[in-house]
Protein backbone atom coordinates (compact mmCIF):
# COMPACT_ATOMS: atom_id res chain seq x y z
CA MET A 1 0.46 23.62 -12.49
CA THR A 2 -0.72 20.26 -11.11
CA GLU A 3 -4.45 20.20 -10.42
CA LEU A 4 -5.01 20.57 -6.70
CA THR A 5 -7.12 17.40 -6.67
CA ASP A 6 -4.19 15.43 -8.15
CA LEU A 7 -1.90 16.20 -5.23
CA THR A 8 -1.12 13.51 -2.69
CA ILE A 9 -1.64 14.24 0.99
CA ALA A 10 2.11 14.64 1.46
CA GLU A 11 2.31 17.08 -1.48
CA ALA A 12 -0.71 19.06 -0.29
CA ARG A 13 0.74 19.26 3.21
CA GLU A 14 3.91 20.85 1.84
CA GLY A 15 1.97 23.18 -0.45
CA LEU A 16 -0.23 24.42 2.38
CA ARG A 17 2.69 25.04 4.71
CA GLY A 18 4.63 26.73 1.90
CA LYS A 19 1.59 28.94 1.13
CA SER A 20 1.43 27.77 -2.50
CA PHE A 21 -2.35 27.62 -2.04
CA SER A 22 -4.82 27.91 0.80
CA ALA A 23 -6.84 25.23 2.56
CA ARG A 24 -9.97 26.91 1.27
CA GLU A 25 -8.71 26.71 -2.33
CA LEU A 26 -7.93 23.04 -1.81
CA ALA A 27 -11.39 22.38 -0.38
CA GLU A 28 -13.09 24.35 -3.18
CA ALA A 29 -11.27 22.29 -5.81
CA HIS A 30 -12.59 19.09 -4.27
CA VAL A 31 -16.11 20.46 -3.79
CA ASP A 32 -16.16 21.40 -7.50
CA ALA A 33 -14.89 17.95 -8.47
CA ILE A 34 -17.63 16.28 -6.41
CA ASP A 35 -20.27 18.48 -8.06
CA LYS A 36 -19.12 17.31 -11.50
CA ALA A 37 -18.68 13.62 -10.77
CA ASN A 38 -21.02 12.47 -8.03
CA ASP A 39 -24.08 11.94 -10.24
CA ALA A 40 -22.09 9.51 -12.39
CA LEU A 41 -20.18 7.68 -9.64
CA ASN A 42 -22.56 7.94 -6.65
CA VAL A 43 -19.69 7.96 -4.15
CA TYR A 44 -21.05 10.58 -1.72
CA VAL A 45 -24.44 9.90 -0.12
CA LEU A 46 -24.21 13.25 1.68
CA PRO A 47 -21.73 15.89 0.49
CA THR A 48 -21.06 18.58 3.12
CA PRO A 49 -19.61 21.50 1.10
CA GLU A 50 -20.50 24.25 3.57
CA ARG A 51 -18.90 22.38 6.45
CA ALA A 52 -15.83 21.66 4.32
CA LEU A 53 -15.32 25.33 3.49
CA ASP A 54 -15.84 26.38 7.12
CA MET A 55 -13.32 23.79 8.33
CA ALA A 56 -10.87 24.87 5.62
CA GLN A 57 -11.17 28.49 6.68
CA SER A 58 -10.35 27.49 10.26
CA SER A 59 -7.35 25.53 8.94
CA ASP A 60 -6.08 28.60 7.11
CA ALA A 61 -6.25 30.58 10.35
CA ARG A 62 -4.23 27.91 12.19
CA LEU A 63 -1.72 27.68 9.35
CA LYS A 64 -1.25 31.44 9.50
CA LYS A 65 -0.55 31.22 13.25
CA GLY A 66 1.89 28.32 12.82
CA GLU A 67 -0.43 25.97 14.72
CA ALA A 68 -1.00 23.41 11.98
CA GLY A 69 -2.04 19.88 12.89
CA LEU A 70 -0.71 16.77 11.18
CA LEU A 71 -3.56 16.84 8.63
CA GLU A 72 -4.22 20.57 8.57
CA GLY A 73 -6.41 21.51 5.62
CA ILE A 74 -6.44 18.02 4.05
CA PRO A 75 -9.89 17.20 2.52
CA LEU A 76 -11.14 13.71 3.40
CA GLY A 77 -14.22 11.60 2.75
CA ILE A 78 -15.86 9.69 5.61
CA LYS A 79 -17.47 6.29 5.16
CA ASP A 80 -21.11 6.47 6.26
CA LEU A 81 -20.40 3.92 8.99
CA PHE A 82 -18.58 6.52 11.14
CA CYS A 83 -20.82 8.60 13.37
CA THR A 84 -20.30 12.32 12.77
CA LYS A 85 -21.81 14.76 15.23
CA GLY A 86 -24.60 16.76 13.66
CA VAL A 87 -24.20 15.05 10.27
CA ARG A 88 -26.55 12.27 9.15
CA THR A 89 -25.13 8.77 9.54
CA THR A 90 -27.13 5.83 8.15
CA ALA A 91 -24.69 2.96 7.42
CA CYS A 92 -26.42 3.28 4.01
CA SER A 93 -29.47 1.48 5.38
CA HIS A 94 -33.12 2.50 5.15
CA ILE A 95 -33.60 1.48 8.79
CA LEU A 96 -31.36 4.38 9.91
CA ASP A 97 -33.18 7.01 7.86
CA GLY A 98 -32.69 10.45 9.34
CA PHE A 99 -30.36 9.38 12.15
CA THR A 100 -28.12 12.29 13.12
CA PRO A 101 -25.62 11.42 15.86
CA THR A 102 -25.09 13.73 18.83
CA TYR A 103 -21.53 12.41 19.19
CA GLU A 104 -18.40 11.86 17.09
CA SER A 105 -16.61 8.58 16.47
CA THR A 106 -13.14 8.43 18.01
CA VAL A 107 -11.47 7.95 14.62
CA THR A 108 -13.09 11.01 13.04
CA ALA A 109 -12.56 13.06 16.21
CA ASN A 110 -8.84 12.25 15.89
CA LEU A 111 -8.88 13.48 12.29
CA TRP A 112 -10.64 16.77 13.10
CA ALA A 113 -8.29 17.37 16.04
CA GLU A 114 -5.38 17.34 13.58
CA GLY A 115 -7.05 19.77 11.17
CA ALA A 116 -8.57 17.47 8.53
CA VAL A 117 -11.50 18.79 6.48
CA MET A 118 -14.69 16.75 5.94
CA LEU A 119 -16.04 16.70 2.38
CA GLY A 120 -19.00 14.45 3.18
CA LYS A 121 -20.26 10.95 3.92
CA LEU A 122 -19.28 8.18 1.50
CA ASN A 123 -21.42 5.37 0.16
CA ASN A 124 -20.91 1.80 1.39
CA ASP A 125 -22.64 -1.57 1.33
CA GLU A 126 -25.54 -1.59 3.79
CA PHE A 127 -24.10 -2.11 7.29
CA ALA A 128 -20.82 -2.95 5.49
CA MET A 129 -22.28 -6.24 4.26
CA GLY A 130 -21.09 -6.76 0.71
CA SER A 131 -18.10 -7.07 -1.61
CA SER A 132 -19.22 -4.79 -4.43
CA ASN A 133 -21.02 -1.75 -2.94
CA GLU A 134 -24.26 -2.85 -4.59
CA THR A 135 -26.28 -3.39 -1.38
CA SER A 136 -26.46 0.28 -0.34
CA PHE A 137 -29.92 1.77 0.14
CA TYR A 138 -28.63 4.75 -1.87
CA GLY A 139 -27.73 2.65 -4.90
CA PRO A 140 -24.47 1.17 -6.18
CA VAL A 141 -21.19 3.02 -6.46
CA VAL A 142 -19.52 2.99 -9.88
CA ASN A 143 -15.81 2.29 -10.21
CA PRO A 144 -14.05 5.23 -11.94
CA TRP A 145 -12.04 2.67 -13.94
CA GLN A 146 -13.38 1.16 -17.16
CA ARG A 147 -12.26 -1.82 -19.19
CA LYS A 148 -10.37 -1.16 -22.39
CA GLY A 149 -12.84 -0.54 -25.20
CA SER A 150 -15.90 -0.92 -22.96
CA ASN A 151 -18.40 1.42 -21.33
CA ALA A 152 -19.66 -1.27 -18.93
CA LYS A 153 -19.92 -0.02 -15.37
CA LEU A 154 -17.67 -1.86 -12.92
CA VAL A 155 -18.01 -2.34 -9.17
CA PRO A 156 -15.52 -0.50 -6.89
CA GLY A 157 -15.32 -3.39 -4.41
CA GLY A 158 -16.97 -3.40 -1.03
CA SER A 159 -18.01 -2.61 1.50
CA SER A 160 -15.84 0.53 1.35
CA GLY A 161 -16.53 1.08 -2.35
CA GLY A 162 -17.45 4.74 -1.89
CA SER A 163 -14.14 5.34 -0.14
CA SER A 164 -12.03 3.54 -2.75
CA ALA A 165 -13.83 5.09 -5.73
CA ALA A 166 -13.69 8.61 -4.25
CA VAL A 167 -9.94 8.37 -3.65
CA ALA A 168 -9.31 6.90 -7.11
CA ALA A 169 -11.46 9.55 -8.81
CA ARG A 170 -9.71 12.41 -6.96
CA LEU A 171 -12.88 13.35 -5.09
CA CYS A 172 -10.99 13.34 -1.77
CA MET A 173 -7.33 13.01 -0.81
CA GLY A 174 -7.99 10.06 1.46
CA ALA A 175 -10.91 8.34 3.11
CA THR A 176 -11.86 6.43 6.22
CA ALA A 177 -12.95 2.85 5.68
CA THR A 178 -13.70 -0.30 7.67
CA ASP A 179 -12.63 -3.90 7.14
CA THR A 180 -14.51 -6.90 8.55
CA GLY A 181 -13.46 -9.52 6.00
CA GLY A 182 -11.55 -7.51 3.42
CA SER A 183 -13.63 -4.36 2.98
CA ILE A 184 -10.62 -2.02 2.89
CA ARG A 185 -8.17 -4.17 0.95
CA GLN A 186 -10.50 -5.64 -1.67
CA PRO A 187 -11.93 -2.28 -2.87
CA ALA A 188 -8.45 -0.75 -2.81
CA ALA A 189 -7.19 -3.56 -5.07
CA VAL A 190 -9.84 -3.07 -7.77
CA THR A 191 -9.57 0.75 -7.85
CA GLY A 192 -5.78 1.16 -7.88
CA THR A 193 -5.58 2.63 -4.38
CA VAL A 194 -3.74 1.69 -1.18
CA GLY A 195 -5.75 0.32 1.73
CA ILE A 196 -4.56 -0.88 5.11
CA LYS A 197 -6.53 -2.82 7.69
CA PRO A 198 -4.62 -2.30 10.95
CA THR A 199 -4.29 -4.87 13.72
CA TYR A 200 -7.55 -5.44 15.60
CA GLY A 201 -7.55 -2.92 18.44
CA ARG A 202 -5.19 -0.41 16.79
CA CYS A 203 -8.04 1.97 15.86
CA SER A 204 -10.99 2.56 18.17
CA ARG A 205 -14.34 1.11 17.11
CA TRP A 206 -16.24 3.59 19.30
CA GLY A 207 -18.80 5.49 17.23
CA ILE A 208 -18.57 3.14 14.24
CA VAL A 209 -21.80 1.33 13.34
CA ALA A 210 -21.11 -2.32 14.19
CA PHE A 211 -21.27 -5.28 11.80
CA ALA A 212 -19.24 -8.04 13.52
CA SER A 213 -17.60 -6.70 16.66
CA SER A 214 -14.71 -9.17 16.91
CA LEU A 215 -13.74 -8.60 13.27
CA ASP A 216 -14.48 -4.91 12.47
CA GLN A 217 -11.50 -2.58 12.21
CA ALA A 218 -11.16 0.96 10.85
CA GLY A 219 -8.38 2.02 8.51
CA PRO A 220 -7.57 4.40 5.66
CA ILE A 221 -7.74 4.23 1.88
CA ALA A 222 -5.30 6.59 0.18
CA ARG A 223 -3.55 7.22 -3.10
CA ASN A 224 -0.17 5.85 -2.11
CA VAL A 225 1.64 4.13 0.74
CA ARG A 226 2.99 7.34 2.30
CA ASP A 227 -0.46 8.92 2.42
CA ALA A 228 -1.90 5.79 4.06
CA ALA A 229 0.85 5.99 6.69
CA ILE A 230 0.09 9.66 7.37
CA LEU A 231 -3.61 8.91 7.82
CA LEU A 232 -3.18 5.84 10.03
CA LYS A 233 -0.86 7.73 12.37
CA VAL A 234 -3.76 10.08 13.15
CA MET A 235 -6.63 7.58 13.03
CA ALA A 236 -5.01 5.11 15.46
CA SER A 237 -5.19 5.69 19.20
CA SER A 238 -5.85 4.05 22.52
CA ASP A 239 -9.42 4.73 23.59
CA PRO A 240 -10.92 4.08 27.05
CA LYS A 241 -14.40 4.15 25.45
CA ASP A 242 -13.56 0.99 23.45
CA THR A 243 -12.73 -2.06 25.57
CA THR A 244 -11.06 -3.72 22.56
CA SER A 245 -8.74 -0.75 22.00
CA VAL A 246 -5.13 -1.66 22.79
CA GLY A 247 -3.06 0.67 24.96
CA LEU A 248 0.08 0.65 22.85
CA PRO A 249 1.86 3.78 21.56
CA VAL A 250 1.21 4.61 17.91
CA PRO A 251 4.46 4.58 15.90
CA ASP A 252 5.45 7.18 13.30
CA TYR A 253 4.35 5.12 10.32
CA GLU A 254 5.54 7.68 7.79
CA ALA A 255 9.11 7.35 9.09
CA ALA A 256 8.99 3.63 8.24
CA VAL A 257 8.01 4.10 4.59
CA GLU A 258 11.50 4.50 3.12
CA ARG A 259 13.35 1.93 5.25
CA GLY A 260 13.33 -0.71 2.51
CA VAL A 261 13.20 -4.48 2.86
CA LYS A 262 16.85 -5.46 2.83
CA GLY A 263 17.30 -8.36 5.27
CA LEU A 264 13.57 -9.01 5.72
CA THR A 265 12.14 -12.46 5.02
CA ILE A 266 8.88 -12.54 3.11
CA GLY A 267 6.65 -15.60 3.30
CA ILE A 268 4.77 -17.10 0.35
CA PRO A 269 1.88 -19.35 1.46
CA LYS A 270 1.31 -22.25 -0.92
CA GLU A 271 -2.31 -22.55 0.27
CA TYR A 272 -3.18 -19.27 -1.48
CA ARG A 273 -2.64 -20.91 -4.87
CA VAL A 274 -6.30 -21.80 -5.07
CA PRO A 275 -7.85 -23.92 -7.85
CA GLY A 276 -8.96 -21.83 -10.80
CA MET A 277 -6.76 -18.84 -9.94
CA ALA A 278 -6.47 -16.57 -12.99
CA PRO A 279 -3.05 -16.85 -14.68
CA GLU A 280 -2.60 -13.07 -14.53
CA ILE A 281 -3.05 -13.14 -10.73
CA GLU A 282 -0.41 -15.86 -10.41
CA LYS A 283 1.90 -13.88 -12.71
CA LEU A 284 1.44 -10.68 -10.71
CA TRP A 285 2.13 -12.55 -7.47
CA GLN A 286 5.37 -13.93 -8.88
CA GLN A 287 6.29 -10.46 -10.10
CA GLY A 288 5.85 -9.17 -6.56
CA VAL A 289 8.21 -11.87 -5.30
CA GLU A 290 10.85 -10.81 -7.84
CA TRP A 291 10.51 -7.13 -6.89
CA LEU A 292 11.08 -7.91 -3.23
CA LYS A 293 14.03 -10.20 -3.97
CA ALA A 294 15.61 -7.48 -6.11
CA ALA A 295 15.22 -5.03 -3.20
CA GLY A 296 17.14 -7.34 -0.86
CA ALA A 297 14.41 -9.41 0.79
CA ASN A 298 14.65 -13.13 1.36
CA ILE A 299 11.76 -15.32 0.16
CA LYS A 300 10.52 -18.37 2.04
CA GLU A 301 7.55 -20.66 1.49
CA VAL A 302 5.28 -20.95 4.53
CA ASN A 303 2.40 -23.23 5.44
CA LEU A 304 -1.01 -21.93 6.49
CA PRO A 305 -2.88 -25.26 6.47
CA HIS A 306 -6.21 -24.04 7.84
CA THR A 307 -6.61 -21.34 5.17
CA LYS A 308 -9.16 -23.45 3.29
CA TYR A 309 -11.51 -23.28 6.30
CA ALA A 310 -11.27 -19.50 6.71
CA LEU A 311 -14.05 -18.44 4.36
CA PRO A 312 -16.74 -20.87 5.62
CA SER A 313 -15.76 -20.14 9.23
CA TYR A 314 -15.91 -16.39 8.59
CA TYR A 315 -19.41 -16.71 7.14
CA ILE A 316 -20.52 -18.31 10.39
CA VAL A 317 -18.81 -15.95 12.84
CA ALA A 318 -19.59 -12.69 11.02
CA PRO A 319 -23.34 -13.29 10.47
CA ALA A 320 -23.70 -14.56 14.05
CA GLU A 321 -22.26 -11.34 15.42
CA ALA A 322 -24.27 -9.31 12.91
CA SER A 323 -27.55 -10.89 13.98
CA SER A 324 -26.77 -9.90 17.55
CA ASN A 325 -25.60 -6.37 16.73
CA LEU A 326 -28.53 -5.60 14.43
CA ALA A 327 -31.12 -6.67 17.00
CA ARG A 328 -30.99 -3.09 18.32
CA TYR A 329 -32.73 -1.72 15.21
CA ASP A 330 -36.36 -2.05 16.19
CA GLY A 331 -38.04 1.23 15.22
CA VAL A 332 -38.36 2.37 18.83
CA ARG A 333 -35.42 4.64 19.59
CA TYR A 334 -34.21 6.06 16.27
CA GLY A 335 -34.41 5.65 12.51
CA LEU A 336 -37.25 4.12 10.52
CA ARG A 337 -40.52 3.13 12.17
CA GLU A 338 -43.28 1.25 10.36
CA LYS A 339 -46.73 1.07 11.92
CA GLY A 340 -48.12 -2.18 13.27
CA SER A 341 -51.20 -3.40 15.14
CA ASP A 342 -49.07 -4.06 18.22
CA MET A 343 -45.46 -3.83 19.40
CA ILE A 344 -44.37 -7.12 17.82
CA SER A 345 -45.86 -6.32 14.41
CA MET A 346 -44.25 -2.86 14.56
CA TYR A 347 -40.85 -4.53 15.11
CA GLU A 348 -41.47 -6.98 12.28
CA ASN A 349 -42.74 -4.37 9.83
CA THR A 350 -39.88 -1.99 10.59
CA ARG A 351 -37.18 -4.62 10.14
CA ALA A 352 -38.82 -6.04 7.02
CA ALA A 353 -38.95 -2.62 5.37
CA GLY A 354 -35.70 -1.27 6.79
CA PHE A 355 -33.19 -4.00 5.98
CA GLY A 356 -32.08 -4.95 2.47
CA ALA A 357 -31.86 -8.48 1.10
CA GLU A 358 -28.18 -9.10 1.93
CA VAL A 359 -28.56 -7.86 5.51
CA LYS A 360 -31.63 -10.08 5.99
CA ARG A 361 -29.70 -13.04 4.59
CA ARG A 362 -26.88 -12.58 7.08
CA ILE A 363 -29.23 -12.02 10.02
CA LEU A 364 -31.02 -15.28 9.15
CA ILE A 365 -27.74 -17.20 8.84
CA GLY A 366 -26.46 -15.73 12.07
CA THR A 367 -29.63 -16.42 14.01
CA TYR A 368 -29.63 -20.00 12.74
CA VAL A 369 -26.04 -20.77 13.76
CA LEU A 370 -26.63 -19.30 17.23
CA SER A 371 -29.89 -21.17 17.80
CA ALA A 372 -30.33 -24.02 20.26
CA GLY A 373 -28.98 -27.26 18.87
CA TYR A 374 -26.74 -25.56 16.30
CA TYR A 375 -24.51 -23.32 18.43
CA ASP A 376 -21.99 -26.07 19.14
CA ALA A 377 -22.13 -27.55 15.66
CA TYR A 378 -21.52 -24.27 13.85
CA TYR A 379 -20.55 -21.19 15.86
CA LEU A 380 -18.40 -22.92 18.48
CA LYS A 381 -16.65 -25.00 15.84
CA ALA A 382 -15.99 -21.91 13.70
CA GLN A 383 -14.38 -20.19 16.67
CA LYS A 384 -12.12 -23.21 17.18
CA VAL A 385 -11.09 -23.04 13.52
CA ARG A 386 -10.40 -19.34 14.01
CA THR A 387 -7.93 -20.21 16.77
CA LEU A 388 -6.19 -22.69 14.45
CA ILE A 389 -5.93 -20.03 11.72
CA LYS A 390 -4.25 -17.66 14.18
CA GLN A 391 -1.88 -20.41 15.28
CA ASP A 392 -0.89 -20.98 11.63
CA PHE A 393 0.09 -17.33 11.34
CA ASP A 394 1.92 -17.38 14.68
CA ASN A 395 3.99 -20.32 13.44
CA ALA A 396 4.69 -18.65 10.10
CA PHE A 397 5.82 -15.40 11.74
CA GLU A 398 8.47 -17.30 13.67
CA GLU A 399 10.18 -17.68 10.28
CA VAL A 400 9.16 -14.60 8.25
CA ASP A 401 8.61 -10.85 8.75
CA ALA A 402 5.62 -10.47 6.41
CA ILE A 403 3.55 -12.57 4.02
CA LEU A 404 2.81 -11.73 0.37
CA THR A 405 -0.39 -12.89 -1.37
CA PRO A 406 -2.80 -11.64 -4.04
CA THR A 407 -5.54 -9.35 -2.70
CA THR A 408 -8.39 -10.52 -4.93
CA PRO A 409 -9.03 -13.51 -7.21
CA GLY A 410 -9.60 -11.19 -10.18
CA PRO A 411 -10.19 -7.62 -11.36
CA ALA A 412 -13.36 -5.57 -10.90
CA PHE A 413 -16.47 -7.17 -12.35
CA THR A 414 -19.52 -5.45 -13.83
CA LEU A 415 -22.47 -4.16 -11.82
CA GLY A 416 -25.04 -6.91 -11.42
CA GLU A 417 -22.71 -9.68 -12.57
CA LYS A 418 -22.66 -11.57 -9.26
CA THR A 419 -25.63 -10.22 -7.34
CA GLY A 420 -27.71 -13.35 -7.97
CA ASP A 421 -25.07 -15.70 -6.57
CA PRO A 422 -24.15 -14.99 -2.92
CA VAL A 423 -21.52 -17.74 -2.79
CA GLU A 424 -19.74 -16.40 -5.86
CA MET A 425 -19.84 -12.92 -4.31
CA TYR A 426 -18.45 -14.19 -1.00
CA LEU A 427 -15.50 -15.80 -2.83
CA ASN A 428 -14.17 -12.30 -3.54
CA ASP A 429 -12.95 -12.30 0.07
CA ILE A 430 -11.07 -15.59 -0.20
CA PHE A 431 -7.60 -14.01 0.23
CA THR A 432 -8.57 -11.42 2.85
CA VAL A 433 -10.78 -13.03 5.53
CA THR A 434 -7.90 -14.93 7.18
CA VAL A 435 -6.39 -11.62 8.29
CA ASN A 436 -9.56 -10.60 10.12
CA MET A 437 -10.04 -14.01 11.67
CA ALA A 438 -6.51 -13.77 13.11
CA GLY A 439 -6.76 -10.06 14.03
CA LEU A 440 -3.64 -9.20 11.99
CA PRO A 441 -2.76 -6.14 9.88
CA GLY A 442 -3.09 -6.40 6.11
CA MET A 443 -2.40 -3.98 3.27
CA SER A 444 -3.27 -3.92 -0.43
CA ILE A 445 -0.93 -2.13 -2.83
CA PRO A 446 -1.63 -1.44 -6.53
CA ALA A 447 0.80 -3.65 -8.42
CA GLY A 448 -0.35 -3.92 -12.02
CA LEU A 449 -3.16 -3.83 -14.54
CA SER A 450 -5.27 -6.76 -15.71
CA SER A 451 -5.64 -7.79 -19.33
CA GLU A 452 -8.78 -5.62 -19.26
CA GLY A 453 -6.72 -2.54 -18.29
CA THR A 454 -8.10 -2.37 -14.75
CA PRO A 455 -6.14 -2.46 -11.46
CA LEU A 456 -4.90 -5.50 -9.56
CA GLY A 457 -3.40 -5.49 -6.08
CA LEU A 458 -0.98 -7.47 -3.97
CA GLN A 459 -1.62 -8.06 -0.26
CA LEU A 460 0.88 -7.93 2.58
CA ILE A 461 0.07 -9.54 5.94
CA GLY A 462 2.08 -8.67 9.05
CA ARG A 463 2.55 -9.56 12.67
CA ALA A 464 0.13 -8.05 15.16
CA PHE A 465 0.88 -4.34 15.70
CA ASP A 466 3.72 -4.40 13.16
CA GLU A 467 2.12 -2.16 10.54
CA GLU A 468 5.51 -0.50 10.05
CA THR A 469 6.85 -3.55 8.20
CA LEU A 470 3.84 -3.43 5.88
CA PHE A 471 4.48 0.22 5.06
CA ARG A 472 8.16 -0.31 4.28
CA THR A 473 7.44 -3.42 2.19
CA GLY A 474 4.44 -1.87 0.48
CA ARG A 475 6.53 1.13 -0.54
CA VAL A 476 9.03 -1.19 -2.28
CA ILE A 477 6.22 -2.84 -4.28
CA GLU A 478 4.71 0.56 -5.12
CA GLU A 479 8.04 1.89 -6.32
CA ALA A 480 8.80 -1.23 -8.36
CA ALA A 481 5.37 -1.23 -10.02
CA GLY A 482 6.10 2.34 -11.14
CA LEU A 483 2.64 2.91 -12.53
CA LEU A 484 0.42 5.97 -12.31
CA PHE A 485 -2.80 4.47 -11.01
CA LYS A 486 -5.20 7.12 -12.24
CA PRO A 487 -8.39 6.26 -14.12
CA GLN A 488 -9.50 8.25 -17.14
CA ASP A 489 -11.91 10.94 -15.94
CA TRP A 490 -14.83 9.88 -18.16
CA TRP A 491 -17.33 10.74 -15.39
CA SER A 492 -16.55 14.48 -15.45
CA LYS A 493 -17.28 14.74 -19.16
CA LYS A 494 -20.90 13.66 -18.98
């Protein structure tokens, strides 16, 4: 019999409804797996086994009555950026030590309403600021994949590294994640999982700890395209509590998965062929083109001329918004408080002790670009470039239905390899930040293995609120790749 933790969400859904196993048995299997693996991988900062078993028991009762929700009994991990009522939420920052929300984020409330089971809170880069999950106050997450012939520990991508690693290691069936500049797609690419960043406004941001409010968007990481579609259908909603939430109906994404790509036109942007791109990335990209052509898609080169300005513009806009959002953490209302001789020194001491180095770096950059004399030169100009980037995509989508690019410039690197070079670290987002700047949906699909034997992904970019085309196109790539993206379970043998 297939291990319960190896089942996809779609398979588990059928098994639960067919009474092949119970929701409690499914939850117990995942709780046991977390017990064995978490010390080695550090994916959960707060496992919640008792809550998981209680929720699973309630799911079994609803299944017995024929009242199953869309995710009834499915065990999920929750990124520690999502507020969960009565369960500690820290954004993996020391400054939020001990913060236990009295409310539930809209996204997680949607999941619980459809019967999902919470396994615990997942590790992430502090306040979602990072590309490797090495900035967390709770320590780095370890990628469950290893290079051929090496025991070196690899990063799982960031900021949603706990989510991607947990899904890849079979420590949850799916996970919530957030994407501000690539933090769903980039970790999905380097762990062999599927991640989709929906259109800005598709999922409510209410109850999610903010990084950069005009860029942040929630989405799922899952084992395959169908599972991601199932999760996004539940996560997405219109929400009056979030003024950026868009009041559009949520399609049945799962129904789109098997529609194929015959007749679609897929764009290939020449600007994504960046200097120094690894030959194996270029080869994988071309392989993706051939797979789509073989499935009946048309291929067309498109121009996105302002792509080269996306990364520097992003690293003005995002830190500026972060410096504003993080001003609320002052030691007065919740979280960490360090003593001081007066109110000002208490603020200073709390923020100095509570924030990590990367968060401080971005606050300083953001405060600088918003300061008098620099606002017009930096922030205002970056916003103008952002408009030009969106216009490039608008023009391209007059000719094509989706755009295909690499997700990352290379495979997972080792822990500590890039921590001393912020610019080199930021370059990991070179293919993903344009999507956030334009507010578009983007998806990463596992498409092959590197020469090191670790995963590589391809990225699809779609029109605003046209996630369905990404699901149908992503499924074609997934099927053509035909690989079982499962790492060797070295962590459970320690």
